[in-house]
Structures are given as structure tokens and as C-alpha cells.
N, C-alpha and C. Protein backbone atom coordinates (compact mmCIF):
# COMPACT_ATOMS: atom_id res chain seq x y z
N MET A 1 -43.03 146.27 34.59
CA MET A 1 -42.28 145.34 33.95
C MET A 1 -43.23 144.39 33.16
N LYS A 2 -42.78 143.92 32.06
CA LYS A 2 -43.62 143.06 31.11
C LYS A 2 -43.30 141.61 31.27
N ARG A 3 -44.35 140.85 31.39
CA ARG A 3 -44.10 139.43 31.61
C ARG A 3 -43.94 138.76 30.25
N GLN A 4 -43.22 137.86 29.89
CA GLN A 4 -42.88 137.06 28.84
C GLN A 4 -43.50 135.79 28.92
N PHE A 5 -44.25 135.26 27.86
CA PHE A 5 -45.02 134.13 27.94
C PHE A 5 -44.37 133.31 26.82
N ASN A 6 -43.98 132.24 26.96
CA ASN A 6 -43.42 131.43 25.99
C ASN A 6 -44.51 130.82 25.09
N LYS A 7 -44.31 130.82 23.80
CA LYS A 7 -45.35 130.24 22.94
C LYS A 7 -44.86 128.86 22.57
N GLY A 8 -45.95 127.89 22.54
CA GLY A 8 -45.38 126.56 22.08
C GLY A 8 -46.09 125.62 23.11
N PHE A 9 -45.75 124.35 22.84
CA PHE A 9 -46.37 123.36 23.68
C PHE A 9 -45.23 122.76 24.62
N THR A 10 -45.65 122.13 25.84
CA THR A 10 -44.97 121.60 26.69
C THR A 10 -44.75 120.31 26.41
N LEU A 11 -43.65 119.57 26.97
CA LEU A 11 -43.42 118.25 26.71
C LEU A 11 -44.57 117.34 27.07
N ILE A 12 -45.12 117.61 28.13
CA ILE A 12 -46.27 116.77 28.55
C ILE A 12 -47.38 116.76 27.57
N GLU A 13 -47.73 118.02 27.03
CA GLU A 13 -48.70 118.00 25.86
C GLU A 13 -48.45 117.31 24.63
N ILE A 14 -47.16 117.41 24.27
CA ILE A 14 -46.86 116.69 23.13
C ILE A 14 -46.75 115.16 23.38
N MET A 15 -46.52 114.57 24.60
CA MET A 15 -46.58 113.21 24.91
C MET A 15 -47.83 112.84 25.00
N ILE A 16 -48.97 113.66 25.51
CA ILE A 16 -50.21 113.21 25.30
C ILE A 16 -50.85 112.95 24.03
N VAL A 17 -50.49 113.90 23.19
CA VAL A 17 -51.08 113.85 21.71
C VAL A 17 -50.55 112.70 20.99
N VAL A 18 -49.09 112.40 21.40
CA VAL A 18 -48.43 111.24 20.65
C VAL A 18 -49.18 109.99 21.15
N ALA A 19 -49.47 109.86 22.62
CA ALA A 19 -50.14 108.69 22.98
C ALA A 19 -51.41 108.32 22.39
N ILE A 20 -52.21 109.51 22.26
CA ILE A 20 -53.54 109.36 21.62
C ILE A 20 -53.46 109.00 20.31
N ILE A 21 -52.52 109.50 19.49
CA ILE A 21 -52.26 109.00 18.15
C ILE A 21 -52.05 107.62 17.99
N GLY A 22 -51.10 107.17 18.93
CA GLY A 22 -50.59 105.68 19.12
C GLY A 22 -51.87 104.81 19.28
N LEU A 23 -52.78 105.26 20.25
CA LEU A 23 -53.89 104.41 20.64
C LEU A 23 -54.92 104.53 19.36
N LEU A 24 -55.08 105.49 18.80
CA LEU A 24 -55.83 105.34 17.63
C LEU A 24 -55.30 104.53 16.49
N ALA A 25 -54.05 104.51 16.25
CA ALA A 25 -53.47 103.70 15.27
C ALA A 25 -53.53 102.18 15.66
N ALA A 26 -53.31 102.05 16.93
CA ALA A 26 -53.48 100.58 17.42
C ALA A 26 -54.77 99.93 17.36
N ILE A 27 -55.86 100.74 17.17
CA ILE A 27 -57.36 100.40 17.05
C ILE A 27 -57.44 100.33 15.65
N ALA A 28 -57.02 101.14 14.72
CA ALA A 28 -57.42 101.22 13.42
C ALA A 28 -56.74 100.21 12.31
N VAL A 29 -55.54 100.01 12.72
CA VAL A 29 -54.70 98.93 11.90
C VAL A 29 -55.11 97.71 11.79
N PRO A 30 -55.47 97.07 12.74
CA PRO A 30 -56.16 95.69 12.73
C PRO A 30 -57.41 95.48 11.78
N ASN A 31 -58.18 96.73 11.78
CA ASN A 31 -59.45 96.72 11.16
C ASN A 31 -59.21 96.87 9.56
N PHE A 32 -58.13 97.74 9.19
CA PHE A 32 -57.73 97.88 7.87
C PHE A 32 -57.01 96.58 7.29
N VAL A 33 -56.44 95.74 8.16
CA VAL A 33 -55.92 94.63 7.55
C VAL A 33 -56.92 93.46 7.34
N LYS A 34 -57.92 93.46 8.46
CA LYS A 34 -59.13 92.61 8.15
C LYS A 34 -59.88 93.07 6.95
N ALA A 35 -60.21 94.36 6.73
CA ALA A 35 -60.88 94.63 5.34
C ALA A 35 -60.26 94.37 4.19
N ARG A 36 -58.79 94.54 4.25
CA ARG A 36 -57.98 94.17 3.05
C ARG A 36 -58.17 92.55 2.86
N THR A 37 -58.15 91.88 3.83
CA THR A 37 -58.05 90.38 3.67
C THR A 37 -59.50 89.80 3.04
N GLN A 38 -60.44 90.38 3.73
CA GLN A 38 -61.85 90.22 3.27
C GLN A 38 -61.89 90.55 1.67
N SER A 39 -61.68 91.78 1.31
CA SER A 39 -61.67 92.26 -0.05
C SER A 39 -61.06 91.45 -0.88
N GLN A 40 -59.77 90.82 -0.53
CA GLN A 40 -59.08 89.83 -1.44
C GLN A 40 -59.80 88.54 -1.54
N THR A 41 -60.30 88.00 -0.46
CA THR A 41 -61.15 86.90 -0.51
C THR A 41 -62.26 87.03 -1.49
N ASN A 42 -63.03 88.07 -1.33
CA ASN A 42 -64.32 88.44 -2.25
C ASN A 42 -63.93 88.48 -3.63
N ALA A 43 -62.73 89.05 -3.87
CA ALA A 43 -62.29 89.18 -5.39
C ALA A 43 -61.89 87.84 -5.84
N CYS A 44 -61.21 87.01 -5.09
CA CYS A 44 -61.09 85.79 -5.44
C CYS A 44 -62.23 84.76 -5.76
N ILE A 45 -63.20 84.92 -4.93
CA ILE A 45 -64.41 84.14 -5.14
C ILE A 45 -64.96 84.62 -6.20
N ASN A 46 -65.11 85.81 -6.84
CA ASN A 46 -65.67 86.50 -8.06
C ASN A 46 -64.81 86.02 -9.16
N ASN A 47 -63.60 86.02 -8.98
CA ASN A 47 -62.66 85.17 -10.11
C ASN A 47 -63.02 83.93 -10.52
N LEU A 48 -63.17 82.94 -9.35
CA LEU A 48 -63.54 81.66 -9.51
C LEU A 48 -65.11 81.52 -10.19
N ARG A 49 -65.89 82.55 -9.84
CA ARG A 49 -67.14 82.33 -10.55
C ARG A 49 -67.03 82.78 -11.86
N GLN A 50 -66.13 83.57 -12.36
CA GLN A 50 -65.92 83.77 -13.80
C GLN A 50 -65.60 82.66 -14.43
N VAL A 51 -64.42 82.10 -13.61
CA VAL A 51 -63.80 80.70 -14.42
C VAL A 51 -64.88 79.61 -14.59
N ASP A 52 -65.68 79.40 -13.61
CA ASP A 52 -66.78 78.48 -13.50
C ASP A 52 -67.67 78.91 -14.58
N SER A 53 -68.09 80.06 -14.78
CA SER A 53 -69.00 80.52 -15.93
C SER A 53 -68.24 80.13 -17.36
N GLY A 54 -67.03 80.45 -17.34
CA GLY A 54 -66.44 80.20 -18.67
C GLY A 54 -66.29 78.61 -19.12
N LYS A 55 -66.24 77.92 -17.97
CA LYS A 55 -65.99 76.42 -18.11
C LYS A 55 -67.47 75.86 -18.55
N GLU A 56 -68.58 76.50 -18.10
CA GLU A 56 -69.97 76.03 -18.49
C GLU A 56 -70.22 76.51 -19.88
N GLN A 57 -69.89 77.63 -20.23
CA GLN A 57 -70.17 78.26 -21.39
C GLN A 57 -69.43 77.49 -22.57
N CYS A 58 -68.13 77.05 -22.07
CA CYS A 58 -67.39 76.28 -23.03
C CYS A 58 -67.88 74.80 -23.33
N ALA A 59 -68.53 74.31 -22.25
CA ALA A 59 -69.08 72.97 -22.26
C ALA A 59 -70.26 72.82 -23.13
N LEU A 60 -71.04 74.08 -23.07
CA LEU A 60 -72.32 74.07 -23.88
C LEU A 60 -71.92 74.25 -25.37
N GLU A 61 -70.98 75.01 -25.67
CA GLU A 61 -70.42 75.20 -27.15
C GLU A 61 -70.13 73.97 -27.81
N PHE A 62 -69.16 73.24 -26.88
CA PHE A 62 -68.73 72.08 -27.53
C PHE A 62 -69.40 70.68 -27.16
N LYS A 63 -70.57 70.96 -26.44
CA LYS A 63 -71.38 69.80 -26.09
C LYS A 63 -70.64 68.65 -25.27
N LEU A 64 -69.93 69.23 -24.22
CA LEU A 64 -69.21 68.45 -23.40
C LEU A 64 -69.96 67.76 -22.14
N ALA A 65 -69.75 66.60 -21.84
CA ALA A 65 -70.51 65.89 -20.72
C ALA A 65 -69.98 66.46 -19.42
N SER A 66 -70.68 66.35 -18.43
CA SER A 66 -70.17 66.48 -17.02
C SER A 66 -69.06 65.39 -16.74
N GLY A 67 -68.03 65.88 -16.13
CA GLY A 67 -67.02 65.14 -15.85
C GLY A 67 -65.77 65.25 -16.98
N GLY A 68 -66.10 65.86 -18.04
CA GLY A 68 -65.23 66.05 -19.08
C GLY A 68 -64.18 66.98 -18.70
N THR A 69 -63.18 67.22 -19.48
CA THR A 69 -62.24 68.25 -19.23
C THR A 69 -62.00 69.40 -20.33
N VAL A 70 -61.72 70.45 -19.81
CA VAL A 70 -61.63 71.68 -20.64
C VAL A 70 -60.23 72.18 -20.64
N THR A 71 -59.64 72.85 -21.74
CA THR A 71 -58.50 73.36 -21.52
C THR A 71 -58.33 74.84 -21.07
N THR A 72 -57.50 75.36 -20.52
CA THR A 72 -57.43 76.81 -19.94
C THR A 72 -57.67 77.58 -21.21
N ALA A 73 -57.14 77.38 -22.39
CA ALA A 73 -57.06 78.28 -23.49
C ALA A 73 -58.60 78.48 -23.85
N SER A 74 -59.30 77.12 -24.03
CA SER A 74 -60.73 77.18 -24.53
C SER A 74 -61.66 77.91 -23.42
N VAL A 75 -61.29 77.86 -22.24
CA VAL A 75 -62.14 78.63 -21.20
C VAL A 75 -61.89 80.03 -21.26
N ASN A 76 -60.76 80.45 -21.45
CA ASN A 76 -60.26 81.68 -21.32
C ASN A 76 -60.99 82.73 -22.41
N THR A 77 -61.42 81.95 -23.57
CA THR A 77 -62.05 82.67 -24.52
C THR A 77 -63.52 83.24 -23.97
N TYR A 78 -64.05 82.46 -22.97
CA TYR A 78 -65.13 83.02 -22.45
C TYR A 78 -65.11 83.90 -21.18
N ILE A 79 -63.77 84.30 -20.86
CA ILE A 79 -63.61 85.04 -19.53
C ILE A 79 -63.27 86.50 -20.18
N LYS A 80 -63.67 87.52 -19.47
CA LYS A 80 -63.35 88.72 -20.02
C LYS A 80 -61.84 89.20 -19.76
N GLY A 81 -61.39 89.62 -20.92
CA GLY A 81 -59.91 89.83 -20.92
C GLY A 81 -59.15 88.71 -21.66
N GLY A 82 -59.75 87.54 -21.78
CA GLY A 82 -59.19 86.33 -22.55
C GLY A 82 -57.99 85.66 -21.65
N THR A 83 -57.86 86.02 -20.40
CA THR A 83 -57.01 85.27 -19.80
C THR A 83 -57.43 84.99 -18.17
N THR A 84 -56.79 83.92 -17.62
CA THR A 84 -57.36 83.60 -16.31
C THR A 84 -56.99 84.69 -15.52
N PRO A 85 -58.17 85.07 -14.70
CA PRO A 85 -57.76 86.18 -13.55
C PRO A 85 -56.73 85.73 -12.50
N SER A 86 -56.21 86.65 -11.81
CA SER A 86 -55.22 86.29 -10.87
C SER A 86 -55.59 86.46 -9.43
N CYS A 87 -55.46 85.53 -8.64
CA CYS A 87 -55.89 85.56 -7.36
C CYS A 87 -55.20 86.79 -6.62
N PRO A 88 -55.85 87.85 -5.97
CA PRO A 88 -55.41 89.06 -5.49
C PRO A 88 -54.49 88.67 -4.34
N ALA A 89 -54.73 87.50 -3.65
CA ALA A 89 -53.69 87.22 -2.63
C ALA A 89 -52.54 86.19 -2.97
N SER A 90 -52.27 86.25 -4.20
CA SER A 90 -51.14 85.37 -4.97
C SER A 90 -51.42 83.79 -4.74
N GLY A 91 -52.68 83.50 -4.83
CA GLY A 91 -52.98 82.13 -5.05
C GLY A 91 -53.02 81.69 -6.55
N SER A 92 -53.30 80.47 -6.75
CA SER A 92 -53.27 79.98 -8.11
C SER A 92 -54.71 79.22 -8.40
N TYR A 93 -55.08 79.29 -9.51
CA TYR A 93 -56.46 78.63 -9.85
C TYR A 93 -56.18 77.21 -10.65
N THR A 94 -57.11 76.12 -10.15
CA THR A 94 -56.95 75.01 -10.92
C THR A 94 -58.55 74.87 -11.35
N TYR A 95 -58.70 74.53 -12.65
CA TYR A 95 -59.99 74.61 -13.29
C TYR A 95 -60.98 73.42 -13.00
N ASN A 96 -60.24 72.18 -12.62
CA ASN A 96 -60.83 70.98 -12.36
C ASN A 96 -61.88 70.57 -13.66
N SER A 97 -62.54 69.38 -13.57
CA SER A 97 -63.19 68.82 -14.58
C SER A 97 -64.68 69.53 -14.67
N LEU A 98 -65.32 69.39 -15.64
CA LEU A 98 -66.65 69.73 -15.56
C LEU A 98 -67.59 69.14 -14.59
N GLY A 99 -68.42 70.06 -13.95
CA GLY A 99 -69.35 69.55 -12.96
C GLY A 99 -68.61 69.80 -11.66
N THR A 100 -67.27 70.16 -11.52
CA THR A 100 -66.64 70.38 -10.34
C THR A 100 -66.21 71.81 -10.43
N ASN A 101 -66.26 72.43 -9.04
CA ASN A 101 -65.90 73.97 -9.07
C ASN A 101 -64.47 74.10 -9.32
N PRO A 102 -64.04 75.06 -9.80
CA PRO A 102 -62.69 75.51 -9.87
C PRO A 102 -62.28 75.91 -8.49
N VAL A 103 -60.95 75.67 -8.09
CA VAL A 103 -60.51 75.88 -6.75
C VAL A 103 -59.19 76.95 -6.86
N CYS A 104 -59.11 77.69 -5.66
CA CYS A 104 -57.87 78.32 -5.60
C CYS A 104 -56.94 77.63 -4.71
N SER A 105 -55.53 77.92 -4.67
CA SER A 105 -54.67 77.18 -3.83
C SER A 105 -54.84 77.52 -2.53
N LEU A 106 -55.49 78.63 -2.16
CA LEU A 106 -55.84 79.37 -0.85
C LEU A 106 -57.21 78.98 -0.32
N SER A 107 -57.66 77.77 -0.91
CA SER A 107 -59.09 77.54 -0.50
C SER A 107 -59.21 77.47 1.03
N GLY A 108 -58.23 77.18 1.69
CA GLY A 108 -58.34 77.10 3.15
C GLY A 108 -58.39 78.22 4.01
N SER A 109 -58.21 79.40 3.17
CA SER A 109 -58.45 80.71 3.78
C SER A 109 -59.66 81.35 3.28
N GLY A 110 -60.86 80.55 2.83
CA GLY A 110 -61.96 81.02 2.48
C GLY A 110 -61.93 81.36 0.96
N HIS A 111 -60.86 81.05 0.14
CA HIS A 111 -60.89 81.32 -1.15
C HIS A 111 -61.59 80.14 -2.01
N SER A 112 -62.68 80.01 -1.92
CA SER A 112 -63.48 78.65 -2.45
C SER A 112 -64.83 79.12 -2.85
N LEU A 113 -65.51 78.33 -3.87
CA LEU A 113 -66.83 78.42 -4.26
C LEU A 113 -67.64 77.37 -3.34
N SER A 114 -68.74 77.65 -2.96
CA SER A 114 -69.52 76.70 -2.48
C SER A 114 -70.53 76.38 -3.18
N ASN A 115 -71.26 75.22 -3.35
CA ASN A 115 -72.09 74.58 -4.26
C ASN A 115 -73.41 75.27 -4.00
């Protein structure tokens, strides 16, 4: 008489695999969220550097003194693409006067330039 073996996985084996996958996902997802947030913060800071550089170049060309104001349109001519970059975390930028760093509305979340 020939013995018949069932091919396949038992319920216990499948449950163990699902538990392991769930454990790995629970460890990995927070790291991905943290990396995404840090990436957005770094991109925002680089955008603020571009805006600040555009302000300084505009001030040099028009011989503006510290504390003077510049328009968005005049600064944008010195920014690659000719437009104000957008914050990847949906913040908004304020140019401020010359000699003062531009700021992002999310500056409390690390989206700011340091002097």
C-alpha cells in the first residue's frame, strides 16, 4: 500500500511566516517615515539656500542695502527655473528683508536656515 503525502503548508507554518513578515514591517515602516521626513527637511533647507542666494545676487545687482526689500519676481530671476521653489512638505516661503534669512512656514519642524 502506497502512502499519500499532502503537498503544501500547514496552517501553523503559514501563521509563522505571516507573523515574521508583520514583525519586519513593524520595524521597517517607522524607519522609512523618518527617512522621508528627513529628506523633506533637507530639500526645504536647500530651497531656502537658493532663495537666500537669489536675494543676495539681486541685492548686489541693484546695489540694495541691508534691511532693504526685494520682490519675489526680482529674486526669482536668480533662482534656477525662474520660480520660487516649493517646500516638499507643503510649507510656504517668506523671503524677508535683505540681511535676514528667508523662512519656511514649517520652521518649527526644522525647516530653517541657521546663520
